[in-house]
C-alpha cells in the first residue's frame, strides 16, 4: 500500500487553500483530471483527501457508511446554524430524528402536494409581466420557501417574513465562502463577518420562534399521534410526549427552512439559465408541455409524462449541482483507493468534479438531456446530486416533484432570456450560487 496519494503542492501555512478559495470548481476539476482516484492536499491545517472513484464514493456513503461521520470541523459556524438537525446529527440522535421525520416525506403524502405547489407558483407568476427583468434566483427562492413552509411546517410566510429571510441569507452564505485565512486561523479568532453572521442566525431564530408559536395547539393529539402530518406537527406531538426539546425543534426547523428550499431553488435557477442558452432544448421542453398539459394546470397524474422535462432537470443538476462537494471523516484509519487515510483527515466527495469528469461522461461540459436515454455502463456514483446511502437527502422526491411542476407551469406561460452579457460566474458557499444573482427577462408565450 502506498504511503501517500499524489496531489498539488501547497504553500506553508495555507496549503492549497488559496488556490481552492480563488476558484474551487476549477481546482477540484484540475485535481480530478491530473491525479486520479485519490488526491491529497491541505486546506490550511486540514489534511484533505478528494475521492474521485465512484466505487470509493459508494463505500463512504453506502456500503461502509457506519465507518464515517460528519467532520468535526463543521461543528463551529455550521453547528451554530443547524445544530443537531438531520443534516448534521450523528448516531442515535440522527436515527431517531430520521425515523420521526420520515412520515412527512412518505410517497403517499407527496402525491397530494401537486395542487399546492402549482398554487404557490401561480402566486409568483401573478407578479411577472411581459418584458420585465427579474432575478430568477430570488424568485425561485421565494416560491420554494413558500412550498416548504406550507407543506412541511404547516403555515405560510407573509411578505415581512419572506423579506427577513431573504436578508438573512446573504450573511449566512458569506460565512461559508472559502477563505484561506479562515482555513488557517483557530476557530476562536474573531474574523470579519462574524457579527453579521451571528445576527443573521438570531434573525432566523426569531422567525422560527414565530412559526413554532403559531403552530402550538394546532398540531393534534400526542397520545394518539393523531393530527396534521406536516413535519412541525410531528415534532410538536413528539415534544408533548417528552421526546423533543425546544432546541431540537429549533434545529430541525432551521435545517428544513434552509436546506429544504435552497437546492430546489438553485436547480431551477440553473435550469432556466441552461434553457436560455440552448433554444433547441427549450423548444422541446415547450413542445412536451403543450402535448402533455395543453392549457391545463399540471397535476400529479401529469408529472410522470413529463419525461423530457425530467431529463432537463437531471442534466442541470449534473452540470450545476447545488451541493458541489461533501465532507466525511473516518472514525478510524481506512484504506481507500490503495492508500491509508488517517482518522484525523477530511474526506472530500465532489459532485462538481465527478459530474464533469471525462472518465464517466461523454462531452461532460455539454448540456445534453438526451444523454440520460443512452445505454451507457456508467458507475452509479458518477452522479450523486442528493448524496447517497442512509444519509441521502430525505427531501429528494419532494425536490424533484417541485422542480418538475414549477418548471412545467412556468414554461406554459413564459420563456426566460438571460439578461447579462458576461458569462455565468459561480459563488461557492455551502451550496453553489450564481454570483450576483441570475437576471432574466421574461417573455409571455
Protein backbone atom coordinates (compact mmCIF):
# COMPACT_ATOMS: atom_id res chain seq x y z
CA UNK A 1 0.00 0.00 0.00
CA UNK A 2 1.40 3.43 -0.96
CA UNK A 3 2.02 5.85 1.86
CA UNK A 4 0.50 8.98 0.36
CA UNK A 5 -1.58 9.79 -2.72
CA UNK A 6 -0.49 12.39 -5.26
CA UNK A 7 -1.73 15.95 -5.12
CA UNK A 8 -0.88 19.60 -5.70
CA UNK A 9 1.97 21.21 -3.82
CA UNK A 10 0.79 23.62 -1.18
CA UNK A 11 2.17 26.71 0.48
CA UNK A 12 3.42 26.95 4.04
CA UNK A 13 0.54 27.52 6.48
CA UNK A 14 -2.10 27.83 3.74
CA UNK A 15 -1.54 24.57 1.88
CA UNK A 16 -3.77 24.65 -1.22
CA UNK A 17 -6.45 26.77 0.42
CA UNK A 18 -5.68 29.95 -1.51
CA UNK A 19 -5.97 28.16 -4.85
CA UNK A 20 -9.14 26.45 -3.66
CA UNK A 21 -10.68 29.70 -2.43
CA UNK A 22 -9.96 31.55 -5.68
CA UNK A 23 -11.95 29.02 -7.71
CA UNK A 24 -12.91 25.73 -6.01
CA UNK A 25 -14.63 24.46 -9.15
CA UNK A 26 -11.55 24.79 -11.34
CA UNK A 27 -9.35 23.46 -8.53
CA UNK A 28 -11.47 20.33 -7.99
CA UNK A 29 -11.72 19.55 -11.70
CA UNK A 30 -7.97 20.06 -12.16
CA UNK A 31 -7.22 17.70 -9.28
CA UNK A 32 -9.56 15.03 -10.66
CA UNK A 33 -8.02 15.29 -14.12
CA UNK A 34 -4.38 15.42 -13.01
CA UNK A 35 -4.17 12.98 -10.12
CA UNK A 36 -6.89 10.37 -10.48
CA UNK A 37 -8.85 8.43 -7.89
CA UNK A 38 -7.39 9.76 -4.63
CA UNK A 39 -5.92 13.24 -4.32
CA UNK A 40 -4.28 14.66 -1.21
CA UNK A 41 -3.92 18.35 -0.34
CA UNK A 42 -4.10 20.62 2.68
CA UNK A 43 -6.77 23.25 3.27
CA UNK A 44 -4.86 25.25 5.86
CA UNK A 45 -4.10 22.66 8.56
CA UNK A 46 -6.86 20.33 7.31
CA UNK A 47 -5.43 17.13 5.83
CA UNK A 48 -7.81 16.53 2.91
CA UNK A 49 -8.38 13.56 0.59
CA UNK A 50 -10.50 14.03 -2.54
CA UNK A 51 -12.07 10.77 -3.80
CA UNK A 52 -12.99 10.61 -7.49
CA UNK A 53 -13.62 6.87 -7.98
CA UNK A 54 -17.38 6.12 -7.82
CA UNK A 55 -16.62 2.81 -6.07
CA UNK A 56 -14.87 4.68 -3.24
CA UNK A 57 -17.72 7.20 -3.04
CA UNK A 58 -20.17 4.30 -2.73
CA UNK A 59 -18.15 2.80 0.11
CA UNK A 60 -18.12 6.07 2.05
CA UNK A 61 -21.80 6.88 1.53
CA UNK A 62 -23.43 3.46 1.36
CA UNK A 63 -21.75 0.12 1.98
CA UNK A 64 -19.41 1.31 4.76
CA UNK A 65 -21.29 4.43 5.84
CA UNK A 66 -21.07 3.46 9.51
CA UNK A 67 -17.27 3.87 9.34
CA UNK A 68 -17.60 7.59 8.53
CA UNK A 69 -19.20 10.61 10.19
CA UNK A 70 -19.82 14.26 9.54
CA UNK A 71 -16.47 16.02 10.13
CA UNK A 72 -15.75 17.80 13.37
CA UNK A 73 -14.52 20.92 11.55
CA UNK A 74 -18.16 21.58 10.58
CA UNK A 75 -19.15 21.84 14.22
CA UNK A 76 -18.37 25.56 14.62
CA UNK A 77 -20.35 28.00 12.46
CA UNK A 78 -22.40 25.33 10.70
CA UNK A 79 -23.15 23.73 14.05
CA UNK A 80 -24.28 27.10 15.40
CA UNK A 81 -26.62 27.41 12.42
CA UNK A 82 -28.09 23.91 12.04
CA UNK A 83 -27.25 22.34 15.39
CA UNK A 84 -28.29 18.70 15.63
CA UNK A 85 -30.84 18.80 12.85
CA UNK A 86 -30.97 15.97 10.33
CA UNK A 87 -28.16 17.37 8.22
CA UNK A 88 -25.53 17.34 10.98
CA UNK A 89 -26.69 15.00 13.74
CA UNK A 90 -24.96 11.64 14.20
CA UNK A 91 -25.55 8.20 15.66
CA UNK A 92 -28.68 7.50 17.68
CA UNK A 93 -29.86 11.12 17.54
CA UNK A 94 -29.80 11.08 13.75
CA UNK A 95 -31.55 7.69 13.53
CA UNK A 96 -34.33 8.76 15.89
CA UNK A 97 -34.85 12.10 14.14
CA UNK A 98 -34.81 10.48 10.69
CA UNK A 99 -37.40 7.90 11.78
CA UNK A 100 -39.53 10.65 13.31
CA UNK A 101 -39.40 12.85 10.19
CA UNK A 102 -39.92 10.10 7.60
CA UNK A 103 -43.77 10.10 7.64
CA UNK A 104 -43.77 13.74 6.50
CA UNK A 105 -41.92 12.66 3.33
CA UNK A 106 -43.68 9.38 2.58
CA UNK A 107 -44.66 8.89 -1.09
CA UNK A 108 -48.37 8.73 -0.30
CA UNK A 109 -48.23 12.17 1.27
CA UNK A 110 -46.23 13.65 -1.62
CA UNK A 111 -48.93 12.67 -4.11
CA UNK A 112 -51.23 15.25 -2.57
CA UNK A 113 -48.79 18.13 -2.97
CA UNK A 114 -49.12 18.95 -6.67
CA UNK A 115 -52.02 21.39 -6.39
CA UNK A 116 -50.36 23.28 -3.53
CA UNK A 117 -47.04 23.58 -5.35
CA UNK A 118 -48.75 24.86 -8.51
CA UNK A 119 -50.82 27.32 -6.47
CA UNK A 120 -47.70 28.79 -4.86
CA UNK A 121 -46.07 29.05 -8.27
CA UNK A 122 -49.14 30.81 -9.69
CA UNK A 123 -48.88 33.38 -6.88
CA UNK A 124 -45.35 34.12 -8.07
CA UNK A 125 -46.25 34.26 -11.76
CA UNK A 126 -49.03 36.77 -11.00
CA UNK A 127 -46.23 39.22 -10.15
CA UNK A 128 -44.49 38.81 -13.54
CA UNK A 129 -45.24 40.84 -16.65
CA UNK A 130 -44.18 40.54 -20.27
CA UNK A 131 -40.73 42.03 -20.86
CA UNK A 132 -39.92 42.56 -17.18
CA UNK A 133 -36.46 41.77 -15.84
CA UNK A 134 -36.36 39.59 -12.75
CA UNK A 135 -33.70 37.94 -10.62
CA UNK A 136 -34.86 34.37 -11.13
CA UNK A 137 -32.72 33.09 -8.27
CA UNK A 138 -34.67 35.28 -5.82
CA UNK A 139 -38.00 34.31 -7.36
CA UNK A 140 -37.21 30.60 -7.23
CA UNK A 141 -36.13 31.10 -3.61
CA UNK A 142 -39.44 32.78 -2.86
CA UNK A 143 -41.62 30.03 -4.34
CA UNK A 144 -39.62 27.12 -2.89
CA UNK A 145 -39.64 28.78 0.54
CA UNK A 146 -43.40 29.14 0.32
CA UNK A 147 -43.73 25.47 -0.60
CA UNK A 148 -41.51 24.11 2.17
CA UNK A 149 -43.09 26.32 4.85
CA UNK A 150 -46.58 25.28 3.77
CA UNK A 151 -46.04 21.56 3.23
CA UNK A 152 -43.50 20.84 5.98
CA UNK A 153 -44.19 23.50 8.62
CA UNK A 154 -47.94 23.85 8.12
CA UNK A 155 -48.07 27.65 7.80
CA UNK A 156 -47.28 30.44 5.39
CA UNK A 157 -44.89 33.36 5.18
CA UNK A 158 -46.16 36.91 4.93
CA UNK A 159 -44.17 39.46 2.93
CA UNK A 160 -42.34 40.69 6.03
CA UNK A 161 -41.03 37.26 6.94
CA UNK A 162 -40.06 36.49 3.35
CA UNK A 163 -38.10 39.73 3.26
CA UNK A 164 -36.50 38.97 6.63
CA UNK A 165 -35.34 35.52 5.50
CA UNK A 166 -34.01 36.88 2.20
CA UNK A 167 -31.95 39.50 4.02
CA UNK A 168 -30.55 36.87 6.39
CA UNK A 169 -29.48 34.53 3.59
CA UNK A 170 -26.70 36.85 2.36
CA UNK A 171 -24.58 36.97 5.57
CA UNK A 172 -25.33 33.29 6.20
CA UNK A 173 -23.98 32.40 2.76
CA UNK A 174 -20.99 34.73 3.00
CA UNK A 175 -19.80 32.99 6.17
CA UNK A 176 -19.23 29.75 4.25
CA UNK A 177 -17.37 31.09 1.24
CA UNK A 178 -13.89 29.50 1.10
CA UNK A 179 -11.44 31.77 2.91
CA UNK A 180 -7.74 30.79 3.21
CA UNK A 181 -7.28 32.95 6.28
CA UNK A 182 -10.24 31.32 8.00
CA UNK A 183 -8.93 27.88 7.00
CA UNK A 184 -5.61 28.63 8.73
CA UNK A 185 -6.91 30.58 11.74
CA UNK A 186 -8.01 28.98 15.03
CA UNK A 187 -11.78 28.79 15.44
CA UNK A 188 -11.77 31.16 18.43
CA UNK A 189 -10.15 34.03 16.48
CA UNK A 190 -12.68 36.78 15.56
CA UNK A 191 -12.97 37.29 11.81
CA UNK A 192 -14.66 39.84 9.54
CA UNK A 193 -18.31 38.97 9.00
CA UNK A 194 -18.70 37.03 12.27
CA UNK A 195 -21.04 39.54 13.89
CA UNK A 196 -23.20 39.80 10.75
CA UNK A 197 -23.41 36.02 10.69
CA UNK A 198 -24.47 35.80 14.34
CA UNK A 199 -27.08 38.50 13.78
CA UNK A 200 -28.45 36.58 10.79
CA UNK A 201 -28.68 33.37 12.84
CA UNK A 202 -30.58 35.26 15.54
CA UNK A 203 -32.90 36.73 12.91
CA UNK A 204 -33.67 33.27 11.57
CA UNK A 205 -34.28 32.02 15.11
CA UNK A 206 -36.81 34.82 15.64
CA UNK A 207 -38.68 33.73 12.50
CA UNK A 208 -38.63 30.12 13.70
CA UNK A 209 -39.91 31.12 17.15
CA UNK A 210 -42.84 32.87 15.48
CA UNK A 211 -43.66 29.86 13.31
CA UNK A 212 -43.46 27.38 16.19
CA UNK A 213 -45.55 29.61 18.45
CA UNK A 214 -48.24 29.91 15.78
CA UNK A 215 -48.43 26.14 15.38
CA UNK A 216 -48.61 25.19 19.06
CA UNK A 217 -52.09 23.97 19.87
CA UNK A 218 -52.84 23.10 16.24
CA UNK A 219 -50.63 20.02 15.99
CA UNK A 220 -53.01 17.33 17.23
CA UNK A 221 -53.15 14.66 19.93
CA UNK A 222 -49.72 13.46 21.05
CA UNK A 223 -51.01 10.38 22.88
CA UNK A 224 -52.83 9.07 19.83
CA UNK A 225 -50.22 10.55 17.49
CA UNK A 226 -53.13 11.94 15.53
CA UNK A 227 -53.23 15.28 13.74
CA UNK A 228 -51.66 17.10 10.81
CA UNK A 229 -48.84 15.17 9.14
CA UNK A 230 -46.51 18.06 8.34
CA UNK A 231 -43.04 17.83 9.90
CA UNK A 232 -43.56 20.53 12.52
CA UNK A 233 -46.78 18.94 13.78
CA UNK A 234 -44.95 15.63 14.11
CA UNK A 235 -42.15 17.31 16.08
CA UNK A 236 -44.57 19.14 18.37
CA UNK A 237 -46.51 15.96 19.15
CA UNK A 238 -43.22 14.26 19.95
CA UNK A 239 -42.37 17.14 22.28
CA UNK A 240 -45.68 16.66 24.10
CA UNK A 241 -44.56 13.08 24.71
CA UNK A 242 -41.24 14.32 26.12
CA UNK A 243 -39.24 13.22 23.06
CA UNK A 244 -38.16 16.63 21.69
CA UNK A 245 -36.58 19.67 23.31
CA UNK A 246 -37.16 23.25 22.19
CA UNK A 247 -33.59 23.24 20.88
CA UNK A 248 -34.10 20.10 18.82
CA UNK A 249 -37.24 21.54 17.24
CA UNK A 250 -35.36 24.74 16.50
CA UNK A 251 -32.56 22.76 14.81
CA UNK A 252 -34.93 20.69 12.67
CA UNK A 253 -36.98 23.70 11.58
CA UNK A 254 -33.82 25.69 10.77
CA UNK A 255 -32.49 22.77 8.72
CA UNK A 256 -35.81 22.42 6.90
CA UNK A 257 -36.10 26.15 6.19
CA UNK A 258 -32.60 26.44 4.74
CA UNK A 259 -31.76 23.05 3.23
CA UNK A 260 -35.40 22.38 2.32
CA UNK A 261 -35.68 25.18 -0.21
CA UNK A 262 -32.14 26.07 -1.29
CA UNK A 263 -31.19 23.13 -3.50
CA UNK A 264 -34.53 23.15 -5.34
CA UNK A 265 -34.36 26.89 -5.93
CA UNK A 266 -30.84 26.56 -7.30
CA UNK A 267 -31.72 23.58 -9.50
CA UNK A 268 -34.49 25.64 -11.10
CA UNK A 269 -32.25 28.71 -11.39
CA UNK A 270 -29.60 26.81 -13.33
CA UNK A 271 -32.24 25.03 -15.41
CA UNK A 272 -33.63 28.38 -16.56
CA UNK A 273 -30.12 29.56 -17.39
CA UNK A 274 -29.31 26.45 -19.42
CA UNK A 275 -32.60 26.60 -21.32
CA UNK A 276 -31.91 30.24 -22.19
CA UNK A 277 -28.57 29.19 -23.68
CA UNK A 278 -29.96 26.22 -25.64
CA UNK A 279 -33.05 27.29 -27.63
CA UNK A 280 -33.47 23.90 -29.32
CA UNK A 281 -33.76 22.20 -25.93
CA UNK A 282 -36.08 24.96 -24.75
CA UNK A 283 -38.37 24.35 -27.74
CA UNK A 284 -38.53 20.65 -26.90
CA UNK A 285 -39.50 21.49 -23.32
CA UNK A 286 -42.32 23.72 -24.59
CA UNK A 287 -43.43 21.06 -27.09
CA UNK A 288 -43.66 18.39 -24.40
CA UNK A 289 -45.52 20.68 -22.01
CA UNK A 290 -48.04 21.58 -24.72
CA UNK A 291 -48.51 17.91 -25.62
CA UNK A 292 -48.97 16.77 -22.02
CA UNK A 293 -50.75 19.75 -20.47
CA UNK A 294 -52.16 21.95 -23.17
CA UNK A 295 -53.51 24.93 -21.24
CA UNK A 296 -54.40 22.91 -18.14
CA UNK A 297 -52.71 23.24 -14.76
CA UNK A 298 -50.25 20.37 -14.20
CA UNK A 299 -51.45 17.67 -11.84
CA UNK A 300 -49.79 14.74 -10.14
CA UNK A 301 -51.05 12.50 -12.94
CA UNK A 302 -49.16 14.64 -15.48
CA UNK A 303 -45.80 14.51 -13.71
CA UNK A 304 -44.86 11.02 -14.88
CA UNK A 305 -45.47 12.03 -18.52
CA UNK A 306 -43.02 14.94 -18.42
CA UNK A 307 -40.08 12.74 -19.40
CA UNK A 308 -38.01 15.33 -21.25
CA UNK A 309 -38.59 17.91 -18.51
CA UNK A 310 -37.20 15.41 -16.00
CA UNK A 311 -34.11 14.77 -18.15
CA UNK A 312 -33.52 18.51 -18.45
CA UNK A 313 -33.62 18.87 -14.66
CA UNK A 314 -31.32 15.87 -14.16
CA UNK A 315 -28.85 17.32 -16.65
CA UNK A 316 -28.96 20.73 -14.95
CA UNK A 317 -28.11 19.06 -11.64
CA UNK A 318 -25.24 17.25 -13.33
CA UNK A 319 -23.68 20.42 -14.74
CA UNK A 320 -24.55 22.69 -11.81
CA UNK A 321 -25.02 20.52 -8.71
CA UNK A 322 -26.27 22.83 -5.94
CA UNK A 323 -24.31 20.76 -3.41
CA UNK A 324 -20.97 20.74 -5.19
CA UNK A 325 -18.91 18.97 -2.54
CA UNK A 326 -19.46 16.94 0.63
CA UNK A 327 -17.18 16.04 3.52
CA UNK A 328 -16.88 12.96 5.68
CA UNK A 329 -14.39 11.96 8.37
CA UNK A 330 -13.28 8.37 9.06
CA UNK A 331 -13.92 7.09 12.58
CA UNK A 332 -10.64 5.23 12.35
CA UNK A 333 -7.88 4.72 9.76
CA UNK A 334 -9.30 3.37 6.49
CA UNK A 335 -7.93 2.12 3.19
CA UNK A 336 -9.38 3.77 0.08
CA UNK A 337 -8.00 3.57 -3.43
CA UNK A 338 -4.91 1.75 -2.20
CA UNK A 339 -3.99 4.42 0.32
CA UNK A 340 -4.21 4.51 4.09
CA UNK A 341 -6.25 7.52 5.20
CA UNK A 342 -5.84 8.57 8.85
CA UNK A 343 -8.75 9.21 11.19
CA UNK A 344 -7.94 12.92 11.53
CA UNK A 345 -8.36 13.52 7.78
CA UNK A 346 -11.20 15.14 5.87
CA UNK A 347 -12.59 13.09 3.00
CA UNK A 348 -14.00 15.22 0.20
CA UNK A 349 -16.59 13.86 -2.25
CA UNK A 350 -17.14 16.38 -5.03
CA UNK A 351 -20.26 16.26 -7.17
CA UNK A 352 -18.77 19.02 -9.32
CA UNK A 353 -15.62 17.04 -10.14
CA UNK A 354 -17.42 13.72 -10.65
CA UNK A 355 -20.31 15.10 -12.70
CA UNK A 356 -17.91 16.77 -15.15
CA UNK A 357 -15.30 14.01 -15.39
CA UNK A 358 -14.31 12.78 -18.85
CA UNK A 359 -13.77 9.35 -17.27
CA UNK A 360 -17.51 8.92 -16.75
CA UNK A 361 -19.24 11.26 -19.21
CA UNK A 362 -19.01 11.87 -22.94
CA UNK A 363 -18.57 15.59 -23.67
CA UNK A 364 -19.04 16.32 -19.95
CA UNK A 365 -19.28 20.10 -20.30
CA UNK A 366 -22.13 19.93 -22.82
CA UNK A 367 -25.78 20.33 -21.85
CA UNK A 368 -27.27 17.18 -23.33
CA UNK A 369 -30.53 15.97 -21.73
CA UNK A 370 -30.66 13.04 -24.17
CA UNK A 371 -27.56 11.50 -22.58
CA UNK A 372 -29.97 10.06 -19.99
CA UNK A 373 -31.67 7.94 -22.67
CA UNK A 374 -28.48 6.33 -23.99
CA UNK A 375 -27.46 2.91 -22.74
CA UNK A 376 -24.14 3.67 -21.06
CA UNK A 377 -22.45 1.46 -18.48
CA UNK A 378 -21.72 4.29 -16.06
CA UNK A 379 -20.89 3.74 -12.38
CA UNK A 380 -23.79 4.64 -10.10
CA UNK A 381 -21.90 7.22 -8.07
CA UNK A 382 -20.59 9.16 -11.03
CA UNK A 383 -23.80 11.12 -10.36
CA UNK A 384 -24.99 11.84 -6.83
CA UNK A 385 -26.66 15.27 -6.53
CA UNK A 386 -28.63 14.14 -3.46
CA UNK A 387 -25.81 12.21 -1.79
CA UNK A 388 -26.49 8.55 -1.20
CA UNK A 389 -26.89 5.76 1.28
CA UNK A 390 -28.66 6.05 4.63
CA UNK A 391 -27.94 9.78 4.77
CA UNK A 392 -29.25 10.65 1.32
CA UNK A 393 -31.39 13.78 1.17
CA UNK A 394 -34.72 12.99 2.84
CA UNK A 395 -36.42 15.58 0.63
CA UNK A 396 -35.14 14.21 -2.69
CA UNK A 397 -38.53 13.17 -4.07
CA UNK A 398 -40.23 16.37 -2.95
CA UNK A 399 -37.45 18.43 -4.55
CA UNK A 400 -37.81 16.67 -7.90
CA UNK A 401 -41.60 16.93 -7.79
CA UNK A 402 -41.35 20.67 -7.07
CA UNK A 403 -38.82 21.24 -9.83
CA UNK A 404 -40.91 19.45 -12.49
CA UNK A 405 -44.16 21.18 -11.56
CA UNK A 406 -42.65 24.66 -11.24
CA UNK A 407 -40.73 24.32 -14.49
CA UNK A 408 -43.76 22.99 -16.36
CA UNK A 409 -46.21 25.56 -15.02
CA UNK A 410 -43.85 28.48 -15.61
CA UNK A 411 -42.83 27.35 -19.10
CA UNK A 412 -46.51 27.09 -20.06
CA UNK A 413 -46.71 30.85 -19.78
CA UNK A 414 -43.21 32.27 -20.18
CA UNK A 415 -39.83 31.80 -21.74
CA UNK A 416 -36.85 33.28 -19.93
CA UNK A 417 -33.95 35.13 -21.54
CA UNK A 418 -30.60 35.53 -19.77
CA UNK A 419 -30.22 39.28 -19.28
CA UNK A 420 -26.47 39.63 -18.78
CA UNK A 421 -23.73 39.91 -21.40
CA UNK A 422 -20.92 38.38 -19.35
CA UNK A 423 -20.85 34.65 -18.83
CA UNK A 424 -22.21 32.99 -15.73
CA UNK A 425 -19.97 33.22 -12.67
CA UNK A 426 -20.38 30.96 -9.66
CA UNK A 427 -20.20 31.74 -5.96
CA UNK A 428 -19.24 28.89 -3.63
CA UNK A 429 -20.88 28.85 -0.21
CA UNK A 430 -22.39 25.77 1.42
CA UNK A 431 -24.15 25.42 -1.92
CA UNK A 432 -23.27 26.77 -5.35
CA UNK A 433 -24.95 30.07 -6.20
CA UNK A 434 -24.69 32.31 -9.24
CA UNK A 435 -22.55 35.29 -8.37
CA UNK A 436 -24.64 38.48 -8.25
CA UNK A 437 -27.89 36.64 -8.92
CA UNK A 438 -29.43 35.42 -12.17
CA UNK A 439 -31.05 38.29 -14.12
CA UNK A 440 -33.65 37.10 -16.63
CA UNK A 441 -36.08 38.85 -18.94
CA UNK A 442 -39.46 37.14 -19.08
CA UNK A 443 -41.45 36.86 -22.30
CA UNK A 444 -45.06 35.73 -22.46
CA UNK A 445 -45.68 32.78 -24.76
